[in-house]
Amino acid sequence: MEGTLLVGGLVAAIVFVAAFAAEGRGRRVVRLILGADERRPVTEHLYDEVDRPAPTLDVVGELARDTAALHVVTPHTARHRA
């Protein structure tokens, strides 16, 4: 039983490492370790101002305006044959 658990654990570890290497950040780490990519400074501007719409508390009104143009289907009375 211990052998089966050991083999299962090794397979899980290999799959985990492969999935990490396939993901974006993992791929970058692997490229840095292998020397295929050089370290570069962070170019993201984390604290820049972002243009956002004005805040509103009228959420229901906003949704009503968005859905007002939708066509409303009314159910018809169905006549069944006996």
N, C-alpha and C. Protein backbone atom coordinates (compact mmCIF):
# COMPACT_ATOMS: atom_id res chain seq x y z
N MET A 1 0.82 -1.20 0.00
CA MET A 1 0.00 0.00 0.00
C MET A 1 0.87 1.26 0.00
N GLU A 2 1.99 1.21 0.70
CA GLU A 2 2.87 2.38 0.75
C GLU A 2 3.45 2.69 -0.62
N GLY A 3 3.75 1.67 -1.39
CA GLY A 3 4.31 1.87 -2.73
C GLY A 3 3.31 2.58 -3.64
N THR A 4 2.05 2.19 -3.53
CA THR A 4 1.02 2.82 -4.34
C THR A 4 0.88 4.29 -3.99
N LEU A 5 0.89 4.60 -2.70
CA LEU A 5 0.79 5.99 -2.27
C LEU A 5 2.01 6.79 -2.72
N LEU A 6 3.18 6.18 -2.67
CA LEU A 6 4.40 6.86 -3.10
C LEU A 6 4.35 7.17 -4.59
N VAL A 7 3.94 6.20 -5.40
CA VAL A 7 3.83 6.42 -6.84
C VAL A 7 2.77 7.48 -7.13
N GLY A 8 1.63 7.41 -6.45
CA GLY A 8 0.58 8.41 -6.65
C GLY A 8 1.05 9.81 -6.28
N GLY A 9 1.79 9.91 -5.18
CA GLY A 9 2.32 11.21 -4.76
C GLY A 9 3.32 11.77 -5.76
N LEU A 10 4.17 10.91 -6.31
CA LEU A 10 5.13 11.36 -7.31
C LEU A 10 4.44 11.82 -8.59
N VAL A 11 3.43 11.06 -9.02
CA VAL A 11 2.68 11.47 -10.22
C VAL A 11 1.98 12.80 -9.97
N ALA A 12 1.39 12.97 -8.79
CA ALA A 12 0.71 14.23 -8.46
C ALA A 12 1.70 15.39 -8.45
N ALA A 13 2.89 15.18 -7.91
CA ALA A 13 3.90 16.23 -7.87
C ALA A 13 4.35 16.60 -9.28
N ILE A 14 4.52 15.61 -10.15
CA ILE A 14 4.94 15.88 -11.52
C ILE A 14 3.86 16.66 -12.26
N VAL A 15 2.62 16.26 -12.08
CA VAL A 15 1.50 16.97 -12.73
C VAL A 15 1.41 18.40 -12.21
N PHE A 16 1.60 18.59 -10.91
CA PHE A 16 1.55 19.93 -10.33
C PHE A 16 2.65 20.82 -10.91
N VAL A 17 3.85 20.31 -11.01
CA VAL A 17 4.97 21.08 -11.55
C VAL A 17 4.73 21.40 -13.02
N ALA A 18 4.20 20.43 -13.78
CA ALA A 18 3.92 20.68 -15.19
C ALA A 18 2.83 21.74 -15.36
N ALA A 19 1.80 21.69 -14.53
CA ALA A 19 0.73 22.68 -14.61
C ALA A 19 1.25 24.06 -14.22
N PHE A 20 2.11 24.12 -13.22
CA PHE A 20 2.70 25.40 -12.80
C PHE A 20 3.56 25.97 -13.92
N ALA A 21 4.32 25.11 -14.60
CA ALA A 21 5.19 25.57 -15.68
C ALA A 21 4.38 26.02 -16.89
N ALA A 22 3.19 25.48 -17.07
CA ALA A 22 2.36 25.85 -18.22
C ALA A 22 1.62 27.16 -17.98
N GLU A 23 1.40 27.51 -16.71
CA GLU A 23 0.68 28.74 -16.37
C GLU A 23 1.62 29.92 -16.59
N GLY A 24 1.06 31.11 -16.77
CA GLY A 24 1.84 32.29 -17.14
C GLY A 24 3.01 32.61 -16.23
N ARG A 25 2.76 32.73 -14.94
CA ARG A 25 3.85 33.07 -14.01
C ARG A 25 4.83 31.93 -13.88
N GLY A 26 4.32 30.71 -13.87
CA GLY A 26 5.21 29.55 -13.79
C GLY A 26 6.13 29.47 -14.99
N ARG A 27 5.58 29.77 -16.16
CA ARG A 27 6.40 29.76 -17.37
C ARG A 27 7.51 30.79 -17.26
N ARG A 28 7.18 31.94 -16.69
CA ARG A 28 8.20 32.99 -16.53
C ARG A 28 9.29 32.54 -15.56
N VAL A 29 8.89 31.89 -14.46
CA VAL A 29 9.88 31.41 -13.49
C VAL A 29 10.79 30.36 -14.12
N VAL A 30 10.21 29.45 -14.89
CA VAL A 30 11.01 28.41 -15.55
C VAL A 30 11.97 29.05 -16.54
N ARG A 31 11.50 30.05 -17.29
CA ARG A 31 12.39 30.73 -18.24
C ARG A 31 13.52 31.46 -17.52
N LEU A 32 13.22 32.05 -16.35
CA LEU A 32 14.29 32.71 -15.58
C LEU A 32 15.30 31.71 -15.06
N ILE A 33 14.82 30.56 -14.58
CA ILE A 33 15.73 29.54 -14.05
C ILE A 33 16.62 28.99 -15.16
N LEU A 34 16.04 28.76 -16.34
CA LEU A 34 16.82 28.21 -17.45
C LEU A 34 17.67 29.26 -18.15
N GLY A 35 17.49 30.54 -17.81
CA GLY A 35 18.29 31.59 -18.41
C GLY A 35 17.80 32.04 -19.77
N ALA A 36 16.60 31.61 -20.18
CA ALA A 36 16.07 32.00 -21.48
C ALA A 36 15.48 33.40 -21.45
N ASP A 37 15.23 33.92 -20.27
CA ASP A 37 14.63 35.25 -20.14
C ASP A 37 15.42 36.02 -19.10
N GLU A 38 15.70 37.27 -19.37
CA GLU A 38 16.45 38.08 -18.40
C GLU A 38 15.48 38.77 -17.45
N ARG A 39 15.99 39.11 -16.30
CA ARG A 39 15.18 39.85 -15.33
C ARG A 39 15.00 41.27 -15.84
N ARG A 40 13.79 41.75 -15.76
CA ARG A 40 13.52 43.12 -16.18
C ARG A 40 12.67 43.77 -15.10
N PRO A 41 12.76 45.07 -15.00
CA PRO A 41 11.99 45.74 -13.94
C PRO A 41 10.49 45.68 -14.21
N VAL A 42 9.75 45.82 -13.17
CA VAL A 42 8.29 45.81 -13.28
C VAL A 42 7.86 47.07 -14.01
N THR A 43 7.07 46.87 -15.06
CA THR A 43 6.64 48.02 -15.85
C THR A 43 5.18 48.37 -15.60
N GLU A 44 4.55 47.65 -14.69
CA GLU A 44 3.16 47.94 -14.38
C GLU A 44 3.08 49.16 -13.48
N HIS A 45 2.06 49.94 -13.68
CA HIS A 45 1.84 51.12 -12.86
C HIS A 45 0.68 50.81 -11.92
N LEU A 46 1.00 50.30 -10.78
CA LEU A 46 -0.03 49.81 -9.87
C LEU A 46 -0.86 50.92 -9.25
N TYR A 47 -0.31 52.09 -9.11
CA TYR A 47 -1.01 53.16 -8.41
C TYR A 47 -1.46 54.29 -9.33
N ASP A 48 -1.54 54.01 -10.62
CA ASP A 48 -2.03 55.02 -11.55
C ASP A 48 -3.53 55.20 -11.37
N GLU A 49 -3.99 56.39 -11.74
CA GLU A 49 -5.42 56.68 -11.70
C GLU A 49 -6.12 55.97 -12.85
N VAL A 50 -7.30 55.44 -12.57
CA VAL A 50 -8.08 54.73 -13.57
C VAL A 50 -9.37 55.50 -13.80
N ASP A 51 -9.72 55.70 -15.08
CA ASP A 51 -10.97 56.38 -15.39
C ASP A 51 -12.13 55.45 -15.09
N ARG A 52 -13.04 55.92 -14.25
CA ARG A 52 -14.20 55.12 -13.87
C ARG A 52 -15.46 55.95 -14.03
N PRO A 53 -16.59 55.28 -14.30
CA PRO A 53 -17.84 56.03 -14.38
C PRO A 53 -18.23 56.58 -13.00
N ALA A 54 -19.05 57.59 -13.01
CA ALA A 54 -19.48 58.19 -11.75
C ALA A 54 -20.26 57.17 -10.92
N PRO A 55 -20.03 57.14 -9.62
CA PRO A 55 -20.75 56.17 -8.78
C PRO A 55 -22.23 56.50 -8.68
N THR A 56 -23.03 55.47 -8.63
CA THR A 56 -24.47 55.67 -8.49
C THR A 56 -25.03 54.60 -7.57
N LEU A 57 -26.04 54.97 -6.81
CA LEU A 57 -26.70 54.02 -5.93
C LEU A 57 -28.01 53.51 -6.54
N ASP A 58 -28.31 53.99 -7.75
CA ASP A 58 -29.56 53.60 -8.41
C ASP A 58 -29.31 52.37 -9.29
N VAL A 59 -28.98 51.25 -8.67
CA VAL A 59 -28.66 50.04 -9.41
C VAL A 59 -29.89 49.51 -10.14
N VAL A 60 -31.04 49.52 -9.47
CA VAL A 60 -32.27 49.01 -10.09
C VAL A 60 -32.65 49.87 -11.29
N GLY A 61 -32.52 51.16 -11.18
CA GLY A 61 -32.82 52.04 -12.30
C GLY A 61 -31.89 51.80 -13.48
N GLU A 62 -30.61 51.58 -13.19
CA GLU A 62 -29.65 51.28 -14.25
C GLU A 62 -30.03 49.99 -14.97
N LEU A 63 -30.39 48.97 -14.21
CA LEU A 63 -30.79 47.70 -14.83
C LEU A 63 -32.08 47.85 -15.61
N ALA A 64 -33.01 48.64 -15.12
CA ALA A 64 -34.28 48.83 -15.81
C ALA A 64 -34.05 49.54 -17.14
N ARG A 65 -33.15 50.50 -17.18
CA ARG A 65 -32.85 51.18 -18.43
C ARG A 65 -32.19 50.24 -19.43
N ASP A 66 -31.32 49.35 -18.92
CA ASP A 66 -30.63 48.42 -19.80
C ASP A 66 -31.59 47.37 -20.37
N THR A 67 -32.58 46.97 -19.61
CA THR A 67 -33.49 45.91 -20.05
C THR A 67 -34.77 46.44 -20.66
N ALA A 68 -34.96 47.75 -20.71
CA ALA A 68 -36.20 48.31 -21.24
C ALA A 68 -36.36 48.03 -22.74
N ALA A 69 -35.26 47.89 -23.45
CA ALA A 69 -35.33 47.68 -24.89
C ALA A 69 -35.58 46.21 -25.26
N LEU A 70 -35.58 45.32 -24.29
CA LEU A 70 -35.79 43.90 -24.59
C LEU A 70 -37.25 43.63 -24.92
N HIS A 71 -37.46 42.73 -25.86
CA HIS A 71 -38.81 42.35 -26.26
C HIS A 71 -39.40 41.42 -25.21
N VAL A 72 -40.60 41.70 -24.77
CA VAL A 72 -41.27 40.89 -23.76
C VAL A 72 -42.17 39.89 -24.47
N VAL A 73 -42.01 38.62 -24.15
CA VAL A 73 -42.83 37.57 -24.73
C VAL A 73 -43.94 37.26 -23.75
N THR A 74 -45.17 37.35 -24.23
CA THR A 74 -46.31 37.03 -23.36
C THR A 74 -46.80 35.63 -23.69
N PRO A 75 -47.13 34.86 -22.70
CA PRO A 75 -47.60 33.49 -22.95
C PRO A 75 -49.02 33.52 -23.53
N HIS A 76 -49.28 32.66 -24.48
CA HIS A 76 -50.59 32.53 -25.08
C HIS A 76 -51.31 31.35 -24.45
N THR A 77 -52.58 31.43 -24.41
CA THR A 77 -53.33 30.28 -23.86
C THR A 77 -53.30 29.17 -24.89
N ALA A 78 -52.88 28.03 -24.47
CA ALA A 78 -52.76 26.88 -25.35
C ALA A 78 -54.01 26.02 -25.24
N ARG A 79 -54.49 25.57 -26.36
CA ARG A 79 -55.65 24.68 -26.36
C ARG A 79 -55.15 23.27 -26.67
N HIS A 80 -55.43 22.40 -25.78
CA HIS A 80 -55.02 21.01 -25.92
C HIS A 80 -56.17 20.19 -26.50
N ARG A 81 -55.81 19.26 -27.33
CA ARG A 81 -56.83 18.35 -27.85
C ARG A 81 -57.05 17.23 -26.86
N ALA A 82 -58.25 16.91 -26.64
CA ALA A 82 -58.57 15.86 -25.69
C ALA A 82 -58.67 14.51 -26.35
